[in-house]
Amino acid sequence: APDAGRKALAVYLLGYPVMMIWRVEGIHVAMPLSFA
Protein backbone atom coordinates (compact mmCIF):
# COMPACT_ATOMS: atom_id res chain seq x y z
CA ALA A 1 0.00 0.00 0.00
CA PRO A 2 2.69 2.64 0.81
CA ASP A 3 4.38 2.01 -2.53
CA ALA A 4 1.06 2.27 -4.34
CA GLY A 5 0.37 5.56 -2.58
CA ARG A 6 3.70 7.02 -3.70
CA LYS A 7 3.04 6.13 -7.34
CA ALA A 8 -0.66 7.06 -7.51
CA LEU A 9 -0.22 10.76 -8.20
CA ALA A 10 2.46 10.21 -10.83
CA VAL A 11 0.34 7.62 -12.64
CA TYR A 12 -2.64 9.95 -12.64
CA LEU A 13 -0.72 12.99 -13.92
CA LEU A 14 1.61 11.25 -16.36
CA GLY A 15 -0.93 8.93 -17.99
CA TYR A 16 -2.16 11.31 -20.69
CA PRO A 17 1.23 12.86 -21.66
CA VAL A 18 2.93 9.45 -21.86
CA MET A 19 0.09 8.14 -24.02
CA MET A 20 0.32 11.14 -26.37
CA ILE A 21 4.10 10.88 -26.67
CA TRP A 22 3.75 7.25 -27.74
CA ARG A 23 1.05 8.12 -30.29
CA VAL A 24 3.02 10.97 -31.84
CA GLU A 25 6.33 9.11 -31.85
CA GLY A 26 4.64 5.99 -33.17
CA ILE A 27 3.84 7.90 -36.35
CA HIS A 28 7.45 9.04 -36.75
CA VAL A 29 8.97 5.59 -36.21
CA ALA A 30 6.51 4.07 -38.68
CA MET A 31 4.92 1.55 -36.35
CA PRO A 32 2.45 -0.74 -38.17
CA LEU A 33 -1.19 0.31 -38.12
CA SER A 34 -2.10 -2.96 -36.44
CA PHE A 35 -0.05 -1.89 -33.40
CA ALA A 36 -2.34 1.08 -32.64
PDB file of all heavy atoms in Angstrom:
ATOM      1  N   ALA A   1       0.805  -1.224   0.000  1.00  0.00           N
ATOM      2  CA  ALA A   1       0.000   0.000   0.000  1.00  0.00           C
ATOM      3  C   ALA A   1       0.842   1.279   0.000  1.00  0.00           C
ATOM      4  O   ALA A   1       0.545   2.206  -0.758  1.00  0.00           O
ATOM      5  CB  ALA A   1      -0.966  -0.009   1.187  1.00  0.00           C
ATOM      6  N   PRO A   2       1.895   1.396   0.846  1.00  0.00           N
ATOM      7  CA  PRO A   2       2.690   2.637   0.809  1.00  0.00           C
ATOM      8  C   PRO A   2       3.309   2.900  -0.559  1.00  0.00           C
ATOM      9  O   PRO A   2       3.346   4.043  -1.021  1.00  0.00           O
ATOM     10  CB  PRO A   2       3.762   2.403   1.879  1.00  0.00           C
ATOM     11  CG  PRO A   2       3.169   1.383   2.797  1.00  0.00           C
ATOM     12  CD  PRO A   2       2.363   0.486   1.912  1.00  0.00           C
ATOM     13  N   ASP A   3       3.775   1.840  -1.203  1.00  0.00           N
ATOM     14  CA  ASP A   3       4.381   2.005  -2.525  1.00  0.00           C
ATOM     15  C   ASP A   3       3.334   2.435  -3.546  1.00  0.00           C
ATOM     16  O   ASP A   3       3.603   3.282  -4.406  1.00  0.00           O
ATOM     17  CB  ASP A   3       5.030   0.687  -2.949  1.00  0.00           C
ATOM     18  CG  ASP A   3       5.937   0.855  -4.150  1.00  0.00           C
ATOM     19  OD1 ASP A   3       6.828   1.726  -4.100  1.00  0.00           O
ATOM     20  OD2 ASP A   3       5.762   0.131  -5.142  1.00  0.00           O
ATOM     21  N   ALA A   4       2.139   1.868  -3.449  1.00  0.00           N
ATOM     22  CA  ALA A   4       1.056   2.267  -4.338  1.00  0.00           C
ATOM     23  C   ALA A   4       0.695   3.731  -4.137  1.00  0.00           C
ATOM     24  O   ALA A   4       0.448   4.467  -5.101  1.00  0.00           O
ATOM     25  CB  ALA A   4      -0.171   1.385  -4.105  1.00  0.00           C
ATOM     26  N   GLY A   5       0.680   4.164  -2.870  1.00  0.00           N
ATOM     27  CA  GLY A   5       0.370   5.560  -2.585  1.00  0.00           C
ATOM     28  C   GLY A   5       1.378   6.523  -3.174  1.00  0.00           C
ATOM     29  O   GLY A   5       1.018   7.599  -3.664  1.00  0.00           O
ATOM     30  N   ARG A   6       2.656   6.138  -3.146  1.00  0.00           N
ATOM     31  CA  ARG A   6       3.703   7.021  -3.700  1.00  0.00           C
ATOM     32  C   ARG A   6       3.596   7.146  -5.211  1.00  0.00           C
ATOM     33  O   ARG A   6       3.967   8.176  -5.777  1.00  0.00           O
ATOM     34  CB  ARG A   6       5.079   6.493  -3.307  1.00  0.00           C
ATOM     35  CG  ARG A   6       5.469   6.757  -1.857  1.00  0.00           C
ATOM     36  CD  ARG A   6       6.927   6.444  -1.614  1.00  0.00           C
ATOM     37  NE  ARG A   6       7.179   5.021  -1.684  1.00  0.00           N
ATOM     38  CZ  ARG A   6       7.132   4.197  -0.621  1.00  0.00           C
ATOM     39  NH1 ARG A   6       6.832   4.670   0.567  1.00  0.00           N
ATOM     40  NH2 ARG A   6       7.384   2.910  -0.760  1.00  0.00           N
ATOM     41  N   LYS A   7       3.094   6.119  -5.867  1.00  0.00           N
ATOM     42  CA  LYS A   7       3.037   6.132  -7.342  1.00  0.00           C
ATOM     43  C   LYS A   7       1.712   6.669  -7.877  1.00  0.00           C
ATOM     44  O   LYS A   7       1.602   6.999  -9.055  1.00  0.00           O
ATOM     45  CB  LYS A   7       3.266   4.724  -7.881  1.00  0.00           C
ATOM     46  CG  LYS A   7       4.664   4.165  -7.600  1.00  0.00           C
ATOM     47  CD  LYS A   7       4.798   2.763  -8.140  1.00  0.00           C
ATOM     48  CE  LYS A   7       6.217   2.237  -7.957  1.00  0.00           C
ATOM     49  NZ  LYS A   7       6.610   2.154  -6.549  1.00  0.00           N
ATOM     50  N   ALA A   8       0.685   6.737  -7.030  1.00  0.00           N
ATOM     51  CA  ALA A   8      -0.663   7.056  -7.515  1.00  0.00           C
ATOM     52  C   ALA A   8      -0.726   8.401  -8.218  1.00  0.00           C
ATOM     53  O   ALA A   8      -1.300   8.525  -9.309  1.00  0.00           O
ATOM     54  CB  ALA A   8      -1.644   7.016  -6.345  1.00  0.00           C
ATOM     55  N   LEU A   9      -0.149   9.427  -7.613  1.00  0.00           N
ATOM     56  CA  LEU A   9      -0.224  10.763  -8.196  1.00  0.00           C
ATOM     57  C   LEU A   9       0.523  10.835  -9.521  1.00  0.00           C
ATOM     58  O   LEU A   9       0.050  11.456 -10.486  1.00  0.00           O
ATOM     59  CB  LEU A   9       0.335  11.789  -7.207  1.00  0.00           C
ATOM     60  CG  LEU A   9       0.160  13.259  -7.585  1.00  0.00           C
ATOM     61  CD1 LEU A   9      -1.318  13.607  -7.692  1.00  0.00           C
ATOM     62  CD2 LEU A   9       0.841  14.158  -6.557  1.00  0.00           C
ATOM     63  N   ALA A  10       1.684  10.200  -9.586  1.00  0.00           N
ATOM     64  CA  ALA A  10       2.464  10.211 -10.829  1.00  0.00           C
ATOM     65  C   ALA A  10       1.723   9.486 -11.944  1.00  0.00           C
ATOM     66  O   ALA A  10       1.712   9.940 -13.091  1.00  0.00           O
ATOM     67  CB  ALA A  10       3.831   9.574 -10.591  1.00  0.00           C
ATOM     68  N   VAL A  11       1.095   8.355 -11.622  1.00  0.00           N
ATOM     69  CA  VAL A  11       0.336   7.619 -12.636  1.00  0.00           C
ATOM     70  C   VAL A  11      -0.820   8.464 -13.149  1.00  0.00           C
ATOM     71  O   VAL A  11      -1.072   8.537 -14.358  1.00  0.00           O
ATOM     72  CB  VAL A  11      -0.183   6.282 -12.053  1.00  0.00           C
ATOM     73  CG1 VAL A  11      -1.222   5.651 -12.976  1.00  0.00           C
ATOM     74  CG2 VAL A  11       0.979   5.322 -11.840  1.00  0.00           C
ATOM     75  N   TYR A  12      -1.511   9.117 -12.232  1.00  0.00           N
ATOM     76  CA  TYR A  12      -2.644   9.955 -12.642  1.00  0.00           C
ATOM     77  C   TYR A  12      -2.183  11.087 -13.562  1.00  0.00           C
ATOM     78  O   TYR A  12      -2.778  11.330 -14.610  1.00  0.00           O
ATOM     79  CB  TYR A  12      -3.335  10.528 -11.409  1.00  0.00           C
ATOM     80  CG  TYR A  12      -4.544  11.365 -11.747  1.00  0.00           C
ATOM     81  CD1 TYR A  12      -5.815  10.818 -11.745  1.00  0.00           C
ATOM     82  CD2 TYR A  12      -4.408  12.707 -12.123  1.00  0.00           C
ATOM     83  CE1 TYR A  12      -6.930  11.578 -12.083  1.00  0.00           C
ATOM     84  CE2 TYR A  12      -5.521  13.468 -12.464  1.00  0.00           C
ATOM     85  CZ  TYR A  12      -6.765  12.901 -12.446  1.00  0.00           C
ATOM     86  OH  TYR A  12      -7.850  13.660 -12.790  1.00  0.00           O
ATOM     87  N   LEU A  13      -1.137  11.798 -13.170  1.00  0.00           N
ATOM     88  CA  LEU A  13      -0.722  12.990 -13.916  1.00  0.00           C
ATOM     89  C   LEU A  13       0.045  12.661 -15.190  1.00  0.00           C
ATOM     90  O   LEU A  13      -0.030  13.398 -16.170  1.00  0.00           O
ATOM     91  CB  LEU A  13       0.132  13.886 -13.014  1.00  0.00           C
ATOM     92  CG  LEU A  13      -0.648  14.716 -11.995  1.00  0.00           C
ATOM     93  CD1 LEU A  13       0.298  15.379 -11.002  1.00  0.00           C
ATOM     94  CD2 LEU A  13      -1.502  15.766 -12.689  1.00  0.00           C
ATOM     95  N   LEU A  14       0.782  11.571 -15.202  1.00  0.00           N
ATOM     96  CA  LEU A  14       1.615  11.255 -16.361  1.00  0.00           C
ATOM     97  C   LEU A  14       0.893  10.417 -17.417  1.00  0.00           C
ATOM     98  O   LEU A  14       1.395  10.286 -18.542  1.00  0.00           O
ATOM     99  CB  LEU A  14       2.869  10.504 -15.911  1.00  0.00           C
ATOM    100  CG  LEU A  14       3.938  11.344 -15.216  1.00  0.00           C
ATOM    101  CD1 LEU A  14       4.986  10.430 -14.596  1.00  0.00           C
ATOM    102  CD2 LEU A  14       4.601  12.305 -16.187  1.00  0.00           C
ATOM    103  N   GLY A  15      -0.267   9.847 -17.069  1.00  0.00           N
ATOM    104  CA  GLY A  15      -0.933   8.934 -17.987  1.00  0.00           C
ATOM    105  C   GLY A  15      -1.203   9.531 -19.357  1.00  0.00           C
ATOM    106  O   GLY A  15      -0.849   8.944 -20.388  1.00  0.00           O
ATOM    107  N   TYR A  16      -1.800  10.707 -19.401  1.00  0.00           N
ATOM    108  CA  TYR A  16      -2.155  11.315 -20.687  1.00  0.00           C
ATOM    109  C   TYR A  16      -0.917  11.753 -21.476  1.00  0.00           C
ATOM    110  O   TYR A  16      -0.814  11.437 -22.675  1.00  0.00           O
ATOM    111  CB  TYR A  16      -3.099  12.492 -20.460  1.00  0.00           C
ATOM    112  CG  TYR A  16      -3.763  12.969 -21.728  1.00  0.00           C
ATOM    113  CD1 TYR A  16      -4.986  12.440 -22.131  1.00  0.00           C
ATOM    114  CD2 TYR A  16      -3.166  13.947 -22.526  1.00  0.00           C
ATOM    115  CE1 TYR A  16      -5.601  12.872 -23.300  1.00  0.00           C
ATOM    116  CE2 TYR A  16      -3.774  14.380 -23.686  1.00  0.00           C
ATOM    117  CZ  TYR A  16      -4.990  13.840 -24.075  1.00  0.00           C
ATOM    118  OH  TYR A  16      -5.586  14.261 -25.237  1.00  0.00           O
ATOM    119  N   PRO A  17       0.053  12.468 -20.872  1.00  0.00           N
ATOM    120  CA  PRO A  17       1.231  12.857 -21.658  1.00  0.00           C
ATOM    121  C   PRO A  17       2.023  11.673 -22.192  1.00  0.00           C
ATOM    122  O   PRO A  17       2.481  11.694 -23.345  1.00  0.00           O
ATOM    123  CB  PRO A  17       2.062  13.680 -20.660  1.00  0.00           C
ATOM    124  CG  PRO A  17       1.090  14.171 -19.657  1.00  0.00           C
ATOM    125  CD  PRO A  17       0.062  13.085 -19.531  1.00  0.00           C
ATOM    126  N   VAL A  18       2.193  10.628 -21.389  1.00  0.00           N
ATOM    127  CA  VAL A  18       2.934   9.454 -21.858  1.00  0.00           C
ATOM    128  C   VAL A  18       2.197   8.803 -23.036  1.00  0.00           C
ATOM    129  O   VAL A  18       2.817   8.409 -24.037  1.00  0.00           O
ATOM    130  CB  VAL A  18       3.125   8.443 -20.702  1.00  0.00           C
ATOM    131  CG1 VAL A  18       3.604   7.096 -21.231  1.00  0.00           C
ATOM    132  CG2 VAL A  18       4.124   8.988 -19.684  1.00  0.00           C
ATOM    133  N   MET A  19       0.880   8.705 -22.923  1.00  0.00           N
ATOM    134  CA  MET A  19       0.090   8.138 -24.015  1.00  0.00           C
ATOM    135  C   MET A  19       0.260   8.950 -25.296  1.00  0.00           C
ATOM    136  O   MET A  19       0.460   8.390 -26.389  1.00  0.00           O
ATOM    137  CB  MET A  19      -1.377   8.101 -23.608  1.00  0.00           C
ATOM    138  CG  MET A  19      -2.326   7.616 -24.691  1.00  0.00           C
ATOM    139  SD  MET A  19      -4.051   7.924 -24.247  1.00  0.00           S
ATOM    140  CE  MET A  19      -4.134   9.723 -24.461  1.00  0.00           C
ATOM    141  N   MET A  20       0.195  10.294 -25.189  1.00  0.00           N
ATOM    142  CA  MET A  20       0.319  11.142 -26.368  1.00  0.00           C
ATOM    143  C   MET A  20       1.708  11.074 -26.979  1.00  0.00           C
ATOM    144  O   MET A  20       1.860  11.094 -28.208  1.00  0.00           O
ATOM    145  CB  MET A  20      -0.043  12.585 -26.010  1.00  0.00           C
ATOM    146  CG  MET A  20      -1.523  12.819 -25.772  1.00  0.00           C
ATOM    147  SD  MET A  20      -2.566  12.349 -27.188  1.00  0.00           S
ATOM    148  CE  MET A  20      -1.879  13.389 -28.480  1.00  0.00           C
ATOM    149  N   ILE A  21       2.729  10.994 -26.150  1.00  0.00           N
ATOM    150  CA  ILE A  21       4.097  10.882 -26.672  1.00  0.00           C
ATOM    151  C   ILE A  21       4.231   9.609 -27.500  1.00  0.00           C
ATOM    152  O   ILE A  21       4.811   9.618 -28.595  1.00  0.00           O
ATOM    153  CB  ILE A  21       5.116  10.909 -25.517  1.00  0.00           C
ATOM    154  CG1 ILE A  21       5.201  12.329 -24.937  1.00  0.00           C
ATOM    155  CG2 ILE A  21       6.490  10.448 -25.996  1.00  0.00           C
ATOM    156  CD1 ILE A  21       6.054  12.417 -23.687  1.00  0.00           C
ATOM    157  N   TRP A  22       3.679   8.498 -26.999  1.00  0.00           N
ATOM    158  CA  TRP A  22       3.753   7.253 -27.745  1.00  0.00           C
ATOM    159  C   TRP A  22       2.987   7.348 -29.070  1.00  0.00           C
ATOM    160  O   TRP A  22       3.436   6.834 -30.096  1.00  0.00           O
ATOM    161  CB  TRP A  22       3.204   6.100 -26.917  1.00  0.00           C
ATOM    162  CG  TRP A  22       4.270   5.405 -26.123  1.00  0.00           C
ATOM    163  CD1 TRP A  22       4.520   5.521 -24.789  1.00  0.00           C
ATOM    164  CD2 TRP A  22       5.247   4.503 -26.636  1.00  0.00           C
ATOM    165  NE1 TRP A  22       5.593   4.751 -24.431  1.00  0.00           N
ATOM    166  CE2 TRP A  22       6.065   4.099 -25.551  1.00  0.00           C
ATOM    167  CE3 TRP A  22       5.529   3.980 -27.896  1.00  0.00           C
ATOM    168  CZ2 TRP A  22       7.122   3.208 -25.685  1.00  0.00           C
ATOM    169  CZ3 TRP A  22       6.583   3.088 -28.038  1.00  0.00           C
ATOM    170  CH2 TRP A  22       7.367   2.716 -26.947  1.00  0.00           C
ATOM    171  N   ARG A  23       1.836   8.019 -29.066  1.00  0.00           N
ATOM    172  CA  ARG A  23       1.053   8.118 -30.294  1.00  0.00           C
ATOM    173  C   ARG A  23       1.758   8.975 -31.341  1.00  0.00           C
ATOM    174  O   ARG A  23       1.784   8.637 -32.528  1.00  0.00           O
ATOM    175  CB  ARG A  23      -0.328   8.696 -29.990  1.00  0.00           C
ATOM    176  CG  ARG A  23      -1.244   7.691 -29.327  1.00  0.00           C
ATOM    177  CD  ARG A  23      -2.627   8.221 -29.071  1.00  0.00           C
ATOM    178  NE  ARG A  23      -3.448   7.197 -28.444  1.00  0.00           N
ATOM    179  CZ  ARG A  23      -4.639   7.400 -27.915  1.00  0.00           C
ATOM    180  NH1 ARG A  23      -5.168   8.621 -27.959  1.00  0.00           N
ATOM    181  NH2 ARG A  23      -5.317   6.418 -27.357  1.00  0.00           N
ATOM    182  N   VAL A  24       2.332  10.085 -30.898  1.00  0.00           N
ATOM    183  CA  VAL A  24       3.023  10.973 -31.837  1.00  0.00           C
ATOM    184  C   VAL A  24       4.291  10.313 -32.346  1.00  0.00           C
ATOM    185  O   VAL A  24       4.586  10.313 -33.553  1.00  0.00           O
ATOM    186  CB  VAL A  24       3.325  12.322 -31.174  1.00  0.00           C
ATOM    187  CG1 VAL A  24       4.191  13.177 -32.081  1.00  0.00           C
ATOM    188  CG2 VAL A  24       2.029  13.039 -30.830  1.00  0.00           C
ATOM    189  N   GLU A  25       5.076   9.737 -31.432  1.00  0.00           N
ATOM    190  CA  GLU A  25       6.330   9.109 -31.847  1.00  0.00           C
ATOM    191  C   GLU A  25       6.086   7.852 -32.655  1.00  0.00           C
ATOM    192  O   GLU A  25       6.899   7.491 -33.512  1.00  0.00           O
ATOM    193  CB  GLU A  25       7.184   8.785 -30.616  1.00  0.00           C
ATOM    194  CG  GLU A  25       7.735  10.014 -29.927  1.00  0.00           C
ATOM    195  CD  GLU A  25       8.533  10.897 -30.876  1.00  0.00           C
ATOM    196  OE1 GLU A  25       9.373  10.363 -31.629  1.00  0.00           O
ATOM    197  OE2 GLU A  25       8.297  12.114 -30.887  1.00  0.00           O
ATOM    198  N   GLY A  26       4.948   7.184 -32.393  1.00  0.00           N
ATOM    199  CA  GLY A  26       4.637   5.990 -33.175  1.00  0.00           C
ATOM    200  C   GLY A  26       4.484   6.299 -34.651  1.00  0.00           C
ATOM    201  O   GLY A  26       4.839   5.487 -35.512  1.00  0.00           O
ATOM    202  N   ILE A  27       3.970   7.491 -34.948  1.00  0.00           N
ATOM    203  CA  ILE A  27       3.838   7.904 -36.352  1.00  0.00           C
ATOM    204  C   ILE A  27       5.215   8.109 -36.979  1.00  0.00           C
ATOM    205  O   ILE A  27       5.481   7.687 -38.106  1.00  0.00           O
ATOM    206  CB  ILE A  27       3.009   9.200 -36.445  1.00  0.00           C
ATOM    207  CG1 ILE A  27       1.577   8.943 -35.953  1.00  0.00           C
ATOM    208  CG2 ILE A  27       3.002   9.743 -37.874  1.00  0.00           C
ATOM    209  CD1 ILE A  27       0.723  10.193 -35.848  1.00  0.00           C
ATOM    210  N   HIS A  28       6.125   8.726 -36.201  1.00  0.00           N
ATOM    211  CA  HIS A  28       7.446   9.038 -36.745  1.00  0.00           C
ATOM    212  C   HIS A  28       8.324   7.800 -36.920  1.00  0.00           C
ATOM    213  O   HIS A  28       9.172   7.768 -37.807  1.00  0.00           O
ATOM    214  CB  HIS A  28       8.153  10.055 -35.852  1.00  0.00           C
ATOM    215  CG  HIS A  28       7.580  11.438 -35.949  1.00  0.00           C
ATOM    216  ND1 HIS A  28       6.522  11.861 -35.169  1.00  0.00           N
ATOM    217  CD2 HIS A  28       7.887  12.492 -36.753  1.00  0.00           C
ATOM    218  CE1 HIS A  28       6.218  13.114 -35.468  1.00  0.00           C
ATOM    219  NE2 HIS A  28       7.028  13.519 -36.428  1.00  0.00           N
ATOM    220  N   VAL A  29       8.137   6.796 -36.083  1.00  0.00           N
ATOM    221  CA  VAL A  29       8.971   5.589 -36.208  1.00  0.00           C
ATOM    222  C   VAL A  29       8.291   4.531 -37.071  1.00  0.00           C
ATOM    223  O   VAL A  29       8.758   3.402 -37.158  1.00  0.00           O
ATOM    224  CB  VAL A  29       9.305   5.001 -34.822  1.00  0.00           C
ATOM    225  CG1 VAL A  29      10.096   5.995 -33.998  1.00  0.00           C
ATOM    226  CG2 VAL A  29       8.045   4.576 -34.078  1.00  0.00           C
ATOM    227  N   ALA A  30       7.193   4.924 -37.706  1.00  0.00           N
ATOM    228  CA  ALA A  30       6.507   4.067 -38.684  1.00  0.00           C
ATOM    229  C   ALA A  30       6.084   2.730 -38.089  1.00  0.00           C
ATOM    230  O   ALA A  30       6.335   1.659 -38.658  1.00  0.00           O
ATOM    231  CB  ALA A  30       7.397   3.851 -39.912  1.00  0.00           C
ATOM    232  N   MET A  31       5.460   2.782 -36.917  1.00  0.00           N
ATOM    233  CA  MET A  31       4.916   1.551 -36.348  1.00  0.00           C
ATOM    234  C   MET A  31       3.742   1.072 -37.207  1.00  0.00           C
ATOM    235  O   MET A  31       3.018   1.886 -37.775  1.00  0.00           O
ATOM    236  CB  MET A  31       4.436   1.800 -34.917  1.00  0.00           C
ATOM    237  CG  MET A  31       5.566   1.988 -33.919  1.00  0.00           C
ATOM    238  SD  MET A  31       4.943   2.167 -32.230  1.00  0.00           S
ATOM    239  CE  MET A  31       6.500   2.334 -31.336  1.00  0.00           C
ATOM    240  N   PRO A  32       3.550  -0.237 -37.331  1.00  0.00           N
ATOM    241  CA  PRO A  32       2.452  -0.745 -38.175  1.00  0.00           C
ATOM    242  C   PRO A  32       1.098  -0.304 -37.633  1.00  0.00           C
ATOM    243  O   PRO A  32       0.912  -0.131 -36.425  1.00  0.00           O
ATOM    244  CB  PRO A  32       2.623  -2.263 -38.092  1.00  0.00           C
ATOM    245  CG  PRO A  32       3.427  -2.503 -36.853  1.00  0.00           C
ATOM    246  CD  PRO A  32       4.327  -1.312 -36.721  1.00  0.00           C
ATOM    247  N   LEU A  33       0.133  -0.128 -38.530  1.00  0.00           N
ATOM    248  CA  LEU A  33      -1.191   0.313 -38.124  1.00  0.00           C
ATOM    249  C   LEU A  33      -1.847  -0.668 -37.163  1.00  0.00           C
ATOM    250  O   LEU A  33      -2.657  -0.283 -36.310  1.00  0.00           O
ATOM    251  CB  LEU A  33      -2.073   0.498 -39.364  1.00  0.00           C
ATOM    252  CG  LEU A  33      -1.673   1.639 -40.311  1.00  0.00           C
ATOM    253  CD1 LEU A  33      -2.596   1.657 -41.531  1.00  0.00           C
ATOM    254  CD2 LEU A  33      -1.732   2.980 -39.582  1.00  0.00           C
ATOM    255  N   SER A  34      -1.508  -1.943 -37.305  1.00  0.00           N
ATOM    256  CA  SER A  34      -2.100  -2.957 -36.438  1.00  0.00           C
ATOM    257  C   SER A  34      -1.658  -2.799 -34.979  1.00  0.00           C
ATOM    258  O   SER A  34      -2.312  -3.323 -34.070  1.00  0.00           O
ATOM    259  CB  SER A  34      -1.728  -4.358 -36.939  1.00  0.00           C
ATOM    260  OG  SER A  34      -0.306  -4.511 -36.956  1.00  0.00           O
ATOM    261  N   PHE A  35      -0.555  -2.079 -34.765  1.00  0.00           N
ATOM    262  CA  PHE A  35      -0.053  -1.893 -33.397  1.00  0.00           C
ATOM    263  C   PHE A  35      -0.943  -0.937 -32.620  1.00  0.00           C
ATOM    264  O   PHE A  35      -1.152  -1.107 -31.416  1.00  0.00           O
ATOM    265  CB  PHE A  35       1.386  -1.348 -33.457  1.00  0.00           C
ATOM    266  CG  PHE A  35       2.047  -1.232 -32.110  1.00  0.00           C
ATOM    267  CD1 PHE A  35       2.435  -2.364 -31.408  1.00  0.00           C
ATOM    268  CD2 PHE A  35       2.281   0.016 -31.544  1.00  0.00           C
ATOM    269  CE1 PHE A  35       3.043  -2.266 -30.176  1.00  0.00           C
ATOM    270  CE2 PHE A  35       2.887   0.133 -30.306  1.00  0.00           C
ATOM    271  CZ  PHE A  35       3.278  -1.007 -29.620  1.00  0.00           C
ATOM    272  N   ALA A  36      -1.490   0.086 -33.298  1.00  0.00           N
ATOM    273  CA  ALA A  36      -2.340   1.077 -32.639  1.00  0.00           C
ATOM    274  C   ALA A  36      -3.618   0.417 -32.133  1.00  0.00           C
ATOM    275  O   ALA A  36      -4.341  -0.234 -32.886  1.00  0.00           O
ATOM    276  CB  ALA A  36      -2.681   2.207 -33.605  1.00  0.00           C
TER     277      ALA A  36
END
